[in-house]
Amino acid sequence: MFLVSSAALMYEISLSRLLAVELWHHYAFLIISGALLGYGAAGAFRLACSRSIHPLLPVLCFSLLLIPLFLLSSYLPFDPALMALDPLHGGWLLLIFLLLAFPFFLAGLTLNLLLEAYTEHA
C-alpha cells in the first residue's frame, strides 16, 4: 500500500512539473483535480461493482500505463493559445485530462481493494 501511494504521489508531482513546462503553468492544477477525481471515481466504482477483483490487477495496470498514457497525451494536438478560437481544443483538453487521471483511478482502486481485503489490519 505504501508503494502504490508513493508511486501515485511521485507521478502526481512529476506530472505537475511536466505540465507546467509542456503546457502552461495554469494547467498544472489539472493534475491535482484529476488525482482527486480518480480516487473518488475508484471508490464509486468499487461501491457499484460487486464483483471480486484481485488487487494485483489494477496495480499491474497502474504500473504499466503510467508512461504510455503520458506519452499519448503529449502527442495530442492541443494548443492552449487556440482554446478561445477553436472549440475542438476543449475536447483535446478533456481527453488529456482523462488520460492523465486514469492512473489515479487505478491507484485508488488498488488502495480500495487492499483496505477492503485487510480490514482487520487497517
PDB file of N, CA and C in Angstrom:
ATOM      1  N   MET A   1       0.827  -1.177   0.000  1.00  0.00           N
ATOM      2  CA  MET A   1       0.000   0.000   0.000  1.00  0.00           C
ATOM      3  C   MET A   1       0.883   1.257   0.000  1.00  0.00           C
ATOM      4  N   PHE A   2       1.975   1.187   0.737  1.00  0.00           N
ATOM      5  CA  PHE A   2       2.897   2.318   0.777  1.00  0.00           C
ATOM      6  C   PHE A   2       3.494   2.580  -0.600  1.00  0.00           C
ATOM      7  N   LEU A   3       3.850   1.512  -1.303  1.00  0.00           N
ATOM      8  CA  LEU A   3       4.478   1.683  -2.609  1.00  0.00           C
ATOM      9  C   LEU A   3       3.511   2.257  -3.642  1.00  0.00           C
ATOM     10  N   VAL A   4       2.271   1.817  -3.609  1.00  0.00           N
ATOM     11  CA  VAL A   4       1.278   2.353  -4.551  1.00  0.00           C
ATOM     12  C   VAL A   4       1.019   3.826  -4.254  1.00  0.00           C
ATOM     13  N   SER A   5       0.875   4.167  -2.983  1.00  0.00           N
ATOM     14  CA  SER A   5       0.641   5.566  -2.607  1.00  0.00           C
ATOM     15  C   SER A   5       1.830   6.444  -2.978  1.00  0.00           C
ATOM     16  N   SER A   6       3.035   5.939  -2.736  1.00  0.00           N
ATOM     17  CA  SER A   6       4.238   6.704  -3.080  1.00  0.00           C
ATOM     18  C   SER A   6       4.371   6.890  -4.584  1.00  0.00           C
ATOM     19  N   ALA A   7       4.093   5.829  -5.335  1.00  0.00           N
ATOM     20  CA  ALA A   7       4.184   5.930  -6.795  1.00  0.00           C
ATOM     21  C   ALA A   7       3.161   6.919  -7.340  1.00  0.00           C
ATOM     22  N   ALA A   8       1.951   6.896  -6.800  1.00  0.00           N
ATOM     23  CA  ALA A   8       0.920   7.833  -7.261  1.00  0.00           C
ATOM     24  C   ALA A   8       1.298   9.267  -6.908  1.00  0.00           C
ATOM     25  N   LEU A   9       1.855   9.478  -5.730  1.00  0.00           N
ATOM     26  CA  LEU A   9       2.267  10.824  -5.337  1.00  0.00           C
ATOM     27  C   LEU A   9       3.431  11.321  -6.192  1.00  0.00           C
ATOM     28  N   MET A  10       4.407  10.452  -6.461  1.00  0.00           N
ATOM     29  CA  MET A  10       5.525  10.848  -7.324  1.00  0.00           C
ATOM     30  C   MET A  10       5.049  11.139  -8.744  1.00  0.00           C
ATOM     31  N   TYR A  11       4.097  10.351  -9.222  1.00  0.00           N
ATOM     32  CA  TYR A  11       3.533  10.581 -10.551  1.00  0.00           C
ATOM     33  C   TYR A  11       2.801  11.920 -10.595  1.00  0.00           C
ATOM     34  N   GLU A  12       2.077  12.225  -9.538  1.00  0.00           N
ATOM     35  CA  GLU A  12       1.343  13.491  -9.475  1.00  0.00           C
ATOM     36  C   GLU A  12       2.293  14.683  -9.481  1.00  0.00           C
ATOM     37  N   ILE A  13       3.347  14.614  -8.703  1.00  0.00           N
ATOM     38  CA  ILE A  13       4.323  15.709  -8.655  1.00  0.00           C
ATOM     39  C   ILE A  13       5.042  15.844  -9.995  1.00  0.00           C
ATOM     40  N   SER A  14       5.424  14.714 -10.580  1.00  0.00           N
ATOM     41  CA  SER A  14       6.107  14.755 -11.879  1.00  0.00           C
ATOM     42  C   SER A  14       5.213  15.335 -12.965  1.00  0.00           C
ATOM     43  N   LEU A  15       3.956  14.930 -12.973  1.00  0.00           N
ATOM     44  CA  LEU A  15       3.037  15.468 -13.976  1.00  0.00           C
ATOM     45  C   LEU A  15       2.804  16.960 -13.789  1.00  0.00           C
ATOM     46  N   SER A  16       2.731  17.399 -12.544  1.00  0.00           N
ATOM     47  CA  SER A  16       2.555  18.835 -12.298  1.00  0.00           C
ATOM     48  C   SER A  16       3.726  19.625 -12.867  1.00  0.00           C
ATOM     49  N   ARG A  17       4.918  19.124 -12.662  1.00  0.00           N
ATOM     50  CA  ARG A  17       6.100  19.811 -13.186  1.00  0.00           C
ATOM     51  C   ARG A  17       6.157  19.748 -14.714  1.00  0.00           C
ATOM     52  N   LEU A  18       5.845  18.578 -15.261  1.00  0.00           N
ATOM     53  CA  LEU A  18       5.900  18.430 -16.716  1.00  0.00           C
ATOM     54  C   LEU A  18       4.837  19.263 -17.423  1.00  0.00           C
ATOM     55  N   LEU A  19       3.644  19.311 -16.861  1.00  0.00           N
ATOM     56  CA  LEU A  19       2.599  20.115 -17.492  1.00  0.00           C
ATOM     57  C   LEU A  19       2.873  21.600 -17.363  1.00  0.00           C
ATOM     58  N   ALA A  20       3.560  21.990 -16.308  1.00  0.00           N
ATOM     59  CA  ALA A  20       3.919  23.400 -16.168  1.00  0.00           C
ATOM     60  C   ALA A  20       4.884  23.816 -17.276  1.00  0.00           C
ATOM     61  N   VAL A  21       5.685  22.874 -17.754  1.00  0.00           N
ATOM     62  CA  VAL A  21       6.625  23.179 -18.831  1.00  0.00           C
ATOM     63  C   VAL A  21       5.986  22.937 -20.197  1.00  0.00           C
ATOM     64  N   GLU A  22       5.317  21.796 -20.356  1.00  0.00           N
ATOM     65  CA  GLU A  22       4.769  21.416 -21.659  1.00  0.00           C
ATOM     66  C   GLU A  22       3.611  22.314 -22.078  1.00  0.00           C
ATOM     67  N   LEU A  23       2.656  22.486 -21.212  1.00  0.00           N
ATOM     68  CA  LEU A  23       1.551  23.402 -21.493  1.00  0.00           C
ATOM     69  C   LEU A  23       1.930  24.716 -20.822  1.00  0.00           C
ATOM     70  N   TRP A  24       1.063  25.320 -20.120  1.00  0.00           N
ATOM     71  CA  TRP A  24       1.403  26.490 -19.336  1.00  0.00           C
ATOM     72  C   TRP A  24       1.222  26.134 -17.883  1.00  0.00           C
ATOM     73  N   HIS A  25       1.758  26.956 -16.999  1.00  0.00           N
ATOM     74  CA  HIS A  25       1.646  26.648 -15.575  1.00  0.00           C
ATOM     75  C   HIS A  25       0.198  26.710 -15.096  1.00  0.00           C
ATOM     76  N   HIS A  26      -0.684  27.323 -15.874  1.00  0.00           N
ATOM     77  CA  HIS A  26      -2.098  27.398 -15.490  1.00  0.00           C
ATOM     78  C   HIS A  26      -2.771  26.029 -15.525  1.00  0.00           C
ATOM     79  N   TYR A  27      -2.223  25.103 -16.298  1.00  0.00           N
ATOM     80  CA  TYR A  27      -2.840  23.792 -16.445  1.00  0.00           C
ATOM     81  C   TYR A  27      -2.283  22.759 -15.470  1.00  0.00           C
ATOM     82  N   ALA A  28      -1.329  23.117 -14.653  1.00  0.00           N
ATOM     83  CA  ALA A  28      -0.769  22.165 -13.691  1.00  0.00           C
ATOM     84  C   ALA A  28      -1.786  21.782 -12.619  1.00  0.00           C
ATOM     85  N   PHE A  29      -2.761  22.646 -12.364  1.00  0.00           N
ATOM     86  CA  PHE A  29      -3.777  22.311 -11.365  1.00  0.00           C
ATOM     87  C   PHE A  29      -4.658  21.155 -11.822  1.00  0.00           C
ATOM     88  N   LEU A  30      -4.684  20.869 -13.116  1.00  0.00           N
ATOM     89  CA  LEU A  30      -5.486  19.756 -13.620  1.00  0.00           C
ATOM     90  C   LEU A  30      -5.045  18.425 -13.027  1.00  0.00           C
ATOM     91  N   ILE A  31      -3.786  18.316 -12.701  1.00  0.00           N
ATOM     92  CA  ILE A  31      -3.285  17.057 -12.167  1.00  0.00           C
ATOM     93  C   ILE A  31      -3.843  16.809 -10.776  1.00  0.00           C
ATOM     94  N   ILE A  32      -3.882  17.832  -9.955  1.00  0.00           N
ATOM     95  CA  ILE A  32      -4.416  17.661  -8.600  1.00  0.00           C
ATOM     96  C   ILE A  32      -5.894  17.300  -8.660  1.00  0.00           C
ATOM     97  N   SER A  33      -6.644  17.996  -9.496  1.00  0.00           N
ATOM     98  CA  SER A  33      -8.069  17.671  -9.603  1.00  0.00           C
ATOM     99  C   SER A  33      -8.277  16.319 -10.272  1.00  0.00           C
ATOM    100  N   GLY A  34      -7.413  15.942 -11.200  1.00  0.00           N
ATOM    101  CA  GLY A  34      -7.510  14.619 -11.821  1.00  0.00           C
ATOM    102  C   GLY A  34      -7.208  13.502 -10.845  1.00  0.00           C
ATOM    103  N   ALA A  35      -6.245  13.740  -9.958  1.00  0.00           N
ATOM    104  CA  ALA A  35      -5.937  12.729  -8.942  1.00  0.00           C
ATOM    105  C   ALA A  35      -7.108  12.556  -7.983  1.00  0.00           C
ATOM    106  N   LEU A  36      -7.685  13.653  -7.553  1.00  0.00           N
ATOM    107  CA  LEU A  36      -8.839  13.557  -6.654  1.00  0.00           C
ATOM    108  C   LEU A  36     -10.031  12.910  -7.350  1.00  0.00           C
ATOM    109  N   LEU A  37     -10.236  13.246  -8.617  1.00  0.00           N
ATOM    110  CA  LEU A  37     -11.320  12.622  -9.370  1.00  0.00           C
ATOM    111  C   LEU A  37     -11.076  11.124  -9.532  1.00  0.00           C
ATOM    112  N   GLY A  38      -9.841  10.740  -9.795  1.00  0.00           N
ATOM    113  CA  GLY A  38      -9.520   9.320  -9.952  1.00  0.00           C
ATOM    114  C   GLY A  38      -9.760   8.526  -8.684  1.00  0.00           C
ATOM    115  N   TYR A  39      -9.336   9.071  -7.552  1.00  0.00           N
ATOM    116  CA  TYR A  39      -9.559   8.370  -6.281  1.00  0.00           C
ATOM    117  C   TYR A  39     -11.049   8.280  -5.958  1.00  0.00           C
ATOM    118  N   GLY A  40     -11.779   9.352  -6.189  1.00  0.00           N
ATOM    119  CA  GLY A  40     -13.218   9.343  -5.923  1.00  0.00           C
ATOM    120  C   GLY A  40     -13.970   8.417  -6.859  1.00  0.00           C
ATOM    121  N   ALA A  41     -13.594   8.421  -8.138  1.00  0.00           N
ATOM    122  CA  ALA A  41     -14.250   7.536  -9.105  1.00  0.00           C
ATOM    123  C   ALA A  41     -13.956   6.075  -8.797  1.00  0.00           C
ATOM    124  N   ALA A  42     -12.761   5.793  -8.279  1.00  0.00           N
ATOM    125  CA  ALA A  42     -12.435   4.414  -7.906  1.00  0.00           C
ATOM    126  C   ALA A  42     -13.304   3.948  -6.746  1.00  0.00           C
ATOM    127  N   GLY A  43     -13.531   4.816  -5.783  1.00  0.00           N
ATOM    128  CA  GLY A  43     -14.409   4.456  -4.670  1.00  0.00           C
ATOM    129  C   GLY A  43     -15.840   4.242  -5.121  1.00  0.00           C
ATOM    130  N   ALA A  44     -16.326   5.097  -6.013  1.00  0.00           N
ATOM    131  CA  ALA A  44     -17.687   4.940  -6.531  1.00  0.00           C
ATOM    132  C   ALA A  44     -17.803   3.685  -7.392  1.00  0.00           C
ATOM    133  N   PHE A  45     -16.767   3.402  -8.175  1.00  0.00           N
ATOM    134  CA  PHE A  45     -16.772   2.193  -8.998  1.00  0.00           C
ATOM    135  C   PHE A  45     -16.785   0.945  -8.133  1.00  0.00           C
ATOM    136  N   ARG A  46     -15.987   0.965  -7.087  1.00  0.00           N
ATOM    137  CA  ARG A  46     -15.931  -0.214  -6.204  1.00  0.00           C
ATOM    138  C   ARG A  46     -17.252  -0.410  -5.477  1.00  0.00           C
ATOM    139  N   LEU A  47     -17.909   0.649  -5.121  1.00  0.00           N
ATOM    140  CA  LEU A  47     -19.205   0.548  -4.465  1.00  0.00           C
ATOM    141  C   LEU A  47     -20.263   0.003  -5.426  1.00  0.00           C
ATOM    142  N   ALA A  48     -20.207   0.423  -6.685  1.00  0.00           N
ATOM    143  CA  ALA A  48     -21.189  -0.027  -7.671  1.00  0.00           C
ATOM    144  C   ALA A  48     -20.886  -1.426  -8.207  1.00  0.00           C
ATOM    145  N   CYS A  49     -19.619  -1.798  -8.228  1.00  0.00           N
ATOM    146  CA  CYS A  49     -19.218  -3.096  -8.776  1.00  0.00           C
ATOM    147  C   CYS A  49     -19.136  -4.110  -7.646  1.00  0.00           C
ATOM    148  N   SER A  50     -19.968  -5.115  -7.703  1.00  0.00           N
ATOM    149  CA  SER A  50     -19.977  -6.106  -6.624  1.00  0.00           C
ATOM    150  C   SER A  50     -19.087  -7.303  -6.934  1.00  0.00           C
ATOM    151  N   ARG A  51     -18.502  -7.324  -8.130  1.00  0.00           N
ATOM    152  CA  ARG A  51     -17.635  -8.448  -8.482  1.00  0.00           C
ATOM    153  C   ARG A  51     -16.331  -8.384  -7.700  1.00  0.00           C
ATOM    154  N   SER A  52     -15.738  -9.540  -7.539  1.00  0.00           N
ATOM    155  CA  SER A  52     -14.453  -9.618  -6.855  1.00  0.00           C
ATOM    156  C   SER A  52     -13.337  -9.315  -7.857  1.00  0.00           C
ATOM    157  N   ILE A  53     -12.501  -8.378  -7.509  1.00  0.00           N
ATOM    158  CA  ILE A  53     -11.364  -8.001  -8.351  1.00  0.00           C
ATOM    159  C   ILE A  53     -10.104  -8.277  -7.551  1.00  0.00           C
ATOM    160  N   HIS A  54      -9.164  -8.965  -8.157  1.00  0.00           N
ATOM    161  CA  HIS A  54      -7.904  -9.241  -7.470  1.00  0.00           C
ATOM    162  C   HIS A  54      -7.109  -7.942  -7.357  1.00  0.00           C
ATOM    163  N   PRO A  55      -6.545  -7.634  -6.180  1.00  0.00           N
ATOM    164  CA  PRO A  55      -5.828  -6.355  -6.007  1.00  0.00           C
ATOM    165  C   PRO A  55      -4.600  -6.203  -6.898  1.00  0.00           C
ATOM    166  N   LEU A  56      -4.089  -7.317  -7.423  1.00  0.00           N
ATOM    167  CA  LEU A  56      -2.902  -7.231  -8.265  1.00  0.00           C
ATOM    168  C   LEU A  56      -3.214  -6.687  -9.664  1.00  0.00           C
ATOM    169  N   LEU A  57      -4.440  -6.871 -10.126  1.00  0.00           N
ATOM    170  CA  LEU A  57      -4.798  -6.430 -11.478  1.00  0.00           C
ATOM    171  C   LEU A  57      -4.720  -4.909 -11.646  1.00  0.00           C
ATOM    172  N   PRO A  58      -5.355  -4.104 -10.788  1.00  0.00           N
ATOM    173  CA  PRO A  58      -5.247  -2.653 -11.002  1.00  0.00           C
ATOM    174  C   PRO A  58      -3.849  -2.097 -10.760  1.00  0.00           C
ATOM    175  N   VAL A  59      -3.092  -2.691  -9.835  1.00  0.00           N
ATOM    176  CA  VAL A  59      -1.738  -2.168  -9.603  1.00  0.00           C
ATOM    177  C   VAL A  59      -0.826  -2.518 -10.774  1.00  0.00           C
ATOM    178  N   LEU A  60      -1.061  -3.649 -11.403  1.00  0.00           N
ATOM    179  CA  LEU A  60      -0.286  -4.005 -12.586  1.00  0.00           C
ATOM    180  C   LEU A  60      -0.620  -3.064 -13.746  1.00  0.00           C
ATOM    181  N   CYS A  61      -1.901  -2.789 -13.941  1.00  0.00           N
ATOM    182  CA  CYS A  61      -2.311  -1.833 -14.981  1.00  0.00           C
ATOM    183  C   CYS A  61      -1.782  -0.434 -14.675  1.00  0.00           C
ATOM    184  N   PHE A  62      -1.799  -0.045 -13.399  1.00  0.00           N
ATOM    185  CA  PHE A  62      -1.274   1.262 -12.988  1.00  0.00           C
ATOM    186  C   PHE A  62       0.192   1.399 -13.378  1.00  0.00           C
ATOM    187  N   SER A  63       0.977   0.386 -13.060  1.00  0.00           N
ATOM    188  CA  SER A  63       2.410   0.478 -13.331  1.00  0.00           C
ATOM    189  C   SER A  63       2.719   0.389 -14.823  1.00  0.00           C
ATOM    190  N   LEU A  64       1.907  -0.348 -15.568  1.00  0.00           N
ATOM    191  CA  LEU A  64       2.174  -0.483 -16.997  1.00  0.00           C
ATOM    192  C   LEU A  64       1.667   0.694 -17.827  1.00  0.00           C
ATOM    193  N   LEU A  65       0.684   1.437 -17.326  1.00  0.00           N
ATOM    194  CA  LEU A  65       0.075   2.506 -18.112  1.00  0.00           C
ATOM    195  C   LEU A  65       0.577   3.906 -17.770  1.00  0.00           C
ATOM    196  N   LEU A  66       1.423   4.048 -16.769  1.00  0.00           N
ATOM    197  CA  LEU A  66       1.882   5.391 -16.388  1.00  0.00           C
ATOM    198  C   LEU A  66       2.552   6.122 -17.549  1.00  0.00           C
ATOM    199  N   ILE A  67       3.585   5.536 -18.088  1.00  0.00           N
ATOM    200  CA  ILE A  67       4.363   6.192 -19.141  1.00  0.00           C
ATOM    201  C   ILE A  67       3.598   6.255 -20.467  1.00  0.00           C
ATOM    202  N   PRO A  68       2.978   5.148 -20.935  1.00  0.00           N
ATOM    203  CA  PRO A  68       2.278   5.245 -22.229  1.00  0.00           C
ATOM    204  C   PRO A  68       1.140   6.264 -22.257  1.00  0.00           C
ATOM    205  N   LEU A  69       0.390   6.393 -21.172  1.00  0.00           N
ATOM    206  CA  LEU A  69      -0.700   7.367 -21.174  1.00  0.00           C
ATOM    207  C   LEU A  69      -0.172   8.797 -21.194  1.00  0.00           C
ATOM    208  N   PHE A  70       0.938   9.042 -20.505  1.00  0.00           N
ATOM    209  CA  PHE A  70       1.529  10.382 -20.568  1.00  0.00           C
ATOM    210  C   PHE A  70       2.049  10.679 -21.969  1.00  0.00           C
ATOM    211  N   LEU A  71       2.731   9.702 -22.576  1.00  0.00           N
ATOM    212  CA  LEU A  71       3.249   9.923 -23.929  1.00  0.00           C
ATOM    213  C   LEU A  71       2.118  10.123 -24.932  1.00  0.00           C
ATOM    214  N   LEU A  72       1.044   9.366 -24.780  1.00  0.00           N
ATOM    215  CA  LEU A  72      -0.106   9.540 -25.665  1.00  0.00           C
ATOM    216  C   LEU A  72      -0.722  10.927 -25.499  1.00  0.00           C
ATOM    217  N   SER A  73      -0.822  11.387 -24.265  1.00  0.00           N
ATOM    218  CA  SER A  73      -1.384  12.725 -24.042  1.00  0.00           C
ATOM    219  C   SER A  73      -0.452  13.824 -24.557  1.00  0.00           C
ATOM    220  N   SER A  74       0.841  13.545 -24.608  1.00  0.00           N
ATOM    221  CA  SER A  74       1.787  14.539 -25.126  1.00  0.00           C
ATOM    222  C   SER A  74       1.679  14.710 -26.635  1.00  0.00           C
ATOM    223  N   TYR A  75       1.239  13.665 -27.328  1.00  0.00           N
ATOM    224  CA  TYR A  75       1.156  13.728 -28.787  1.00  0.00           C
ATOM    225  C   TYR A  75      -0.175  14.265 -29.300  1.00  0.00           C
ATOM    226  N   LEU A  76      -1.104  14.536 -28.411  1.00  0.00           N
ATOM    227  CA  LEU A  76      -2.385  15.084 -28.857  1.00  0.00           C
ATOM    228  C   LEU A  76      -2.199  16.542 -29.289  1.00  0.00           C
ATOM    229  N   PRO A  77      -2.876  16.962 -30.351  1.00  0.00           N
ATOM    230  CA  PRO A  77      -2.650  18.312 -30.902  1.00  0.00           C
ATOM    231  C   PRO A  77      -3.392  19.402 -30.130  1.00  0.00           C
ATOM    232  N   PHE A  78      -3.020  19.593 -28.882  1.00  0.00           N
ATOM    233  CA  PHE A  78      -3.656  20.620 -28.057  1.00  0.00           C
ATOM    234  C   PHE A  78      -2.748  21.835 -27.979  1.00  0.00           C
ATOM    235  N   ASP A  79      -3.305  23.002 -28.279  1.00  0.00           N
ATOM    236  CA  ASP A  79      -2.573  24.259 -28.175  1.00  0.00           C
ATOM    237  C   ASP A  79      -3.373  25.197 -27.277  1.00  0.00           C
ATOM    238  N   PRO A  80      -2.851  25.536 -26.090  1.00  0.00           N
ATOM    239  CA  PRO A  80      -3.607  26.397 -25.176  1.00  0.00           C
ATOM    240  C   PRO A  80      -3.920  27.770 -25.752  1.00  0.00           C
ATOM    241  N   ALA A  81      -3.084  28.257 -26.654  1.00  0.00           N
ATOM    242  CA  ALA A  81      -3.314  29.584 -27.221  1.00  0.00           C
ATOM    243  C   ALA A  81      -4.530  29.606 -28.144  1.00  0.00           C
ATOM    244  N   LEU A  82      -4.919  28.450 -28.659  1.00  0.00           N
ATOM    245  CA  LEU A  82      -6.049  28.384 -29.584  1.00  0.00           C
ATOM    246  C   LEU A  82      -7.353  27.966 -28.917  1.00  0.00           C
ATOM    247  N   MET A  83      -7.374  27.893 -27.599  1.00  0.00           N
ATOM    248  CA  MET A  83      -8.583  27.454 -26.884  1.00  0.00           C
ATOM    249  C   MET A  83      -9.769  28.369 -27.180  1.00  0.00           C
ATOM    250  N   ALA A  84      -9.556  29.658 -27.237  1.00  0.00           N
ATOM    251  CA  ALA A  84     -10.662  30.595 -27.457  1.00  0.00           C
ATOM    252  C   ALA A  84     -11.112  30.622 -28.914  1.00  0.00           C
ATOM    253  N   LEU A  85     -10.223  30.261 -29.837  1.00  0.00           N
ATOM    254  CA  LEU A  85     -10.545  30.350 -31.257  1.00  0.00           C
ATOM    255  C   LEU A  85     -11.159  29.073 -31.823  1.00  0.00           C
ATOM    256  N   ASP A  86     -10.741  27.935 -31.306  1.00  0.00           N
ATOM    257  CA  ASP A  86     -11.192  26.656 -31.852  1.00  0.00           C
ATOM    258  C   ASP A  86     -11.774  25.802 -30.734  1.00  0.00           C
ATOM    259  N   PRO A  87     -13.074  25.521 -30.753  1.00  0.00           N
ATOM    260  CA  PRO A  87     -13.679  24.732 -29.673  1.00  0.00           C
ATOM    261  C   PRO A  87     -13.202  23.283 -29.644  1.00  0.00           C
ATOM    262  N   LEU A  88     -12.585  22.811 -30.719  1.00  0.00           N
ATOM    263  CA  LEU A  88     -12.064  21.448 -30.738  1.00  0.00           C
ATOM    264  C   LEU A  88     -10.965  21.256 -29.697  1.00  0.00           C
ATOM    265  N   HIS A  89     -10.252  22.326 -29.380  1.00  0.00           N
ATOM    266  CA  HIS A  89      -9.175  22.220 -28.399  1.00  0.00           C
ATOM    267  C   HIS A  89      -9.707  21.958 -26.994  1.00  0.00           C
ATOM    268  N   GLY A  90     -10.938  22.331 -26.718  1.00  0.00           N
ATOM    269  CA  GLY A  90     -11.559  21.967 -25.443  1.00  0.00           C
ATOM    270  C   GLY A  90     -11.740  20.464 -25.323  1.00  0.00           C
ATOM    271  N   GLY A  91     -12.073  19.819 -26.434  1.00  0.00           N
ATOM    272  CA  GLY A  91     -12.177  18.356 -26.452  1.00  0.00           C
ATOM    273  C   GLY A  91     -10.831  17.687 -26.255  1.00  0.00           C
ATOM    274  N   TRP A  92      -9.791  18.257 -26.861  1.00  0.00           N
ATOM    275  CA  TRP A  92      -8.444  17.711 -26.665  1.00  0.00           C
ATOM    276  C   TRP A  92      -8.010  17.856 -25.210  1.00  0.00           C
ATOM    277  N   LEU A  93      -8.362  18.985 -24.603  1.00  0.00           N
ATOM    278  CA  LEU A  93      -8.022  19.188 -23.194  1.00  0.00           C
ATOM    279  C   LEU A  93      -8.750  18.177 -22.310  1.00  0.00           C
ATOM    280  N   LEU A  94     -10.002  17.904 -22.603  1.00  0.00           N
ATOM    281  CA  LEU A  94     -10.760  16.907 -21.845  1.00  0.00           C
ATOM    282  C   LEU A  94     -10.150  15.521 -22.001  1.00  0.00           C
ATOM    283  N   LEU A  95      -9.739  15.177 -23.216  1.00  0.00           N
ATOM    284  CA  LEU A  95      -9.112  13.876 -23.442  1.00  0.00           C
ATOM    285  C   LEU A  95      -7.780  13.768 -22.706  1.00  0.00           C
ATOM    286  N   ILE A  96      -6.986  14.825 -22.718  1.00  0.00           N
ATOM    287  CA  ILE A  96      -5.723  14.836 -21.971  1.00  0.00           C
ATOM    288  C   ILE A  96      -5.994  14.658 -20.487  1.00  0.00           C
ATOM    289  N   PHE A  97      -7.001  15.362 -19.985  1.00  0.00           N
ATOM    290  CA  PHE A  97      -7.364  15.261 -18.572  1.00  0.00           C
ATOM    291  C   PHE A  97      -7.750  13.829 -18.207  1.00  0.00           C
ATOM    292  N   LEU A  98      -8.563  13.185 -19.034  1.00  0.00           N
ATOM    293  CA  LEU A  98      -8.996  11.818 -18.740  1.00  0.00           C
ATOM    294  C   LEU A  98      -7.846  10.821 -18.850  1.00  0.00           C
ATOM    295  N   LEU A  99      -6.970  11.015 -19.830  1.00  0.00           N
ATOM    296  CA  LEU A  99      -5.820  10.120 -19.962  1.00  0.00           C
ATOM    297  C   LEU A  99      -4.887  10.222 -18.763  1.00  0.00           C
ATOM    298  N   LEU A 100      -4.688  11.436 -18.269  1.00  0.00           N
ATOM    299  CA  LEU A 100      -3.779  11.618 -17.145  1.00  0.00           C
ATOM    300  C   LEU A 100      -4.426  11.267 -15.813  1.00  0.00           C
ATOM    301  N   ALA A 101      -5.751  11.252 -15.735  1.00  0.00           N
ATOM    302  CA  ALA A 101      -6.441  10.907 -14.486  1.00  0.00           C
ATOM    303  C   ALA A 101      -6.654   9.405 -14.335  1.00  0.00           C
ATOM    304  N   PHE A 102      -6.596   8.653 -15.421  1.00  0.00           N
ATOM    305  CA  PHE A 102      -6.879   7.218 -15.345  1.00  0.00           C
ATOM    306  C   PHE A 102      -5.911   6.447 -14.439  1.00  0.00           C
ATOM    307  N   PRO A 103      -4.595   6.725 -14.443  1.00  0.00           N
ATOM    308  CA  PRO A 103      -3.730   6.014 -13.494  1.00  0.00           C
ATOM    309  C   PRO A 103      -4.096   6.266 -12.031  1.00  0.00           C
ATOM    310  N   PHE A 104      -4.613   7.438 -11.722  1.00  0.00           N
ATOM    311  CA  PHE A 104      -5.041   7.703 -10.348  1.00  0.00           C
ATOM    312  C   PHE A 104      -6.287   6.893 -10.003  1.00  0.00           C
ATOM    313  N   PHE A 105      -7.138   6.644 -10.987  1.00  0.00           N
ATOM    314  CA  PHE A 105      -8.277   5.749 -10.787  1.00  0.00           C
ATOM    315  C   PHE A 105      -7.783   4.350 -10.429  1.00  0.00           C
ATOM    316  N   LEU A 106      -6.771   3.875 -11.156  1.00  0.00           N
ATOM    317  CA  LEU A 106      -6.238   2.537 -10.882  1.00  0.00           C
ATOM    318  C   LEU A 106      -5.551   2.476  -9.524  1.00  0.00           C
ATOM    319  N   ALA A 107      -4.831   3.528  -9.153  1.00  0.00           N
ATOM    320  CA  ALA A 107      -4.193   3.553  -7.834  1.00  0.00           C
ATOM    321  C   ALA A 107      -5.239   3.589  -6.731  1.00  0.00           C
ATOM    322  N   GLY A 108      -6.278   4.381  -6.914  1.00  0.00           N
ATOM    323  CA  GLY A 108      -7.353   4.428  -5.926  1.00  0.00           C
ATOM    324  C   GLY A 108      -8.080   3.107  -5.807  1.00  0.00           C
ATOM    325  N   LEU A 109      -8.283   2.433  -6.927  1.00  0.00           N
ATOM    326  CA  LEU A 109      -8.927   1.123  -6.896  1.00  0.00           C
ATOM    327  C   LEU A 109      -8.054   0.110  -6.170  1.00  0.00           C
ATOM    328  N   THR A 110      -6.753   0.174  -6.387  1.00  0.00           N
ATOM    329  CA  THR A 110      -5.833  -0.724  -5.688  1.00  0.00           C
ATOM    330  C   THR A 110      -5.882  -0.491  -4.186  1.00  0.00           C
ATOM    331  N   LEU A 111      -5.818   0.759  -3.780  1.00  0.00           N
ATOM    332  CA  LEU A 111      -5.869   1.062  -2.346  1.00  0.00           C
ATOM    333  C   LEU A 111      -7.200   0.640  -1.742  1.00  0.00           C
ATOM    334  N   ASN A 112      -8.270   0.843  -2.475  1.00  0.00           N
ATOM    335  CA  ASN A 112      -9.588   0.443  -2.008  1.00  0.00           C
ATOM    336  C   ASN A 112      -9.663  -1.067  -1.821  1.00  0.00           C
ATOM    337  N   LEU A 113      -9.158  -1.818  -2.789  1.00  0.00           N
ATOM    338  CA  LEU A 113      -9.194  -3.277  -2.697  1.00  0.00           C
ATOM    339  C   LEU A 113      -8.312  -3.791  -1.565  1.00  0.00           C
ATOM    340  N   LEU A 114      -7.159  -3.167  -1.377  1.00  0.00           N
ATOM    341  CA  LEU A 114      -6.275  -3.599  -0.288  1.00  0.00           C
ATOM    342  C   LEU A 114      -6.879  -3.305   1.075  1.00  0.00           C
ATOM    343  N   LEU A 115      -7.472  -2.139   1.226  1.00  0.00           N
ATOM    344  CA  LEU A 115      -8.118  -1.824   2.501  1.00  0.00           C
ATOM    345  C   LEU A 115      -9.327  -2.713   2.754  1.00  0.00           C
ATOM    346  N   GLU A 116     -10.010  -3.087   1.692  1.00  0.00           N
ATOM    347  CA  GLU A 116     -11.155  -3.982   1.834  1.00  0.00           C
ATOM    348  C   GLU A 116     -10.710  -5.398   2.195  1.00  0.00           C
ATOM    349  N   ALA A 117      -9.597  -5.838   1.619  1.00  0.00           N
ATOM    350  CA  ALA A 117      -9.124  -7.201   1.873  1.00  0.00           C
ATOM    351  C   ALA A 117      -8.520  -7.351   3.265  1.00  0.00           C
ATOM    352  N   TYR A 118      -7.912  -6.297   3.766  1.00  0.00           N
ATOM    353  CA  TYR A 118      -7.238  -6.371   5.066  1.00  0.00           C
ATOM    354  C   TYR A 118      -7.868  -5.397   6.054  1.00  0.00           C
ATOM    355  N   THR A 119      -9.164  -5.483   6.231  1.00  0.00           N
ATOM    356  CA  THR A 119      -9.858  -4.561   7.134  1.00  0.00           C
ATOM    357  C   THR A 119      -9.450  -4.757   8.580  1.00  0.00           C
ATOM    358  N   GLU A 120      -9.064  -5.953   8.948  1.00  0.00           N
ATOM    359  CA  GLU A 120      -8.681  -6.181  10.344  1.00  0.00           C
ATOM    360  C   GLU A 120      -7.319  -5.571  10.674  1.00  0.00           C
ATOM    361  N   HIS A 121      -6.511  -5.266   9.655  1.00  0.00           N
ATOM    362  CA  HIS A 121      -5.194  -4.662   9.886  1.00  0.00           C
ATOM    363  C   HIS A 121      -5.198  -3.157   9.669  1.00  0.00           C
ATOM    364  N   ALA A 122      -6.273  -2.622   9.127  1.00  0.00           N
ATOM    365  CA  ALA A 122      -6.320  -1.189   8.799  1.00  0.00           C
ATOM    366  C   ALA A 122      -6.590  -0.349  10.031  1.00  0.00           C
TER     367      ALA A 122
END
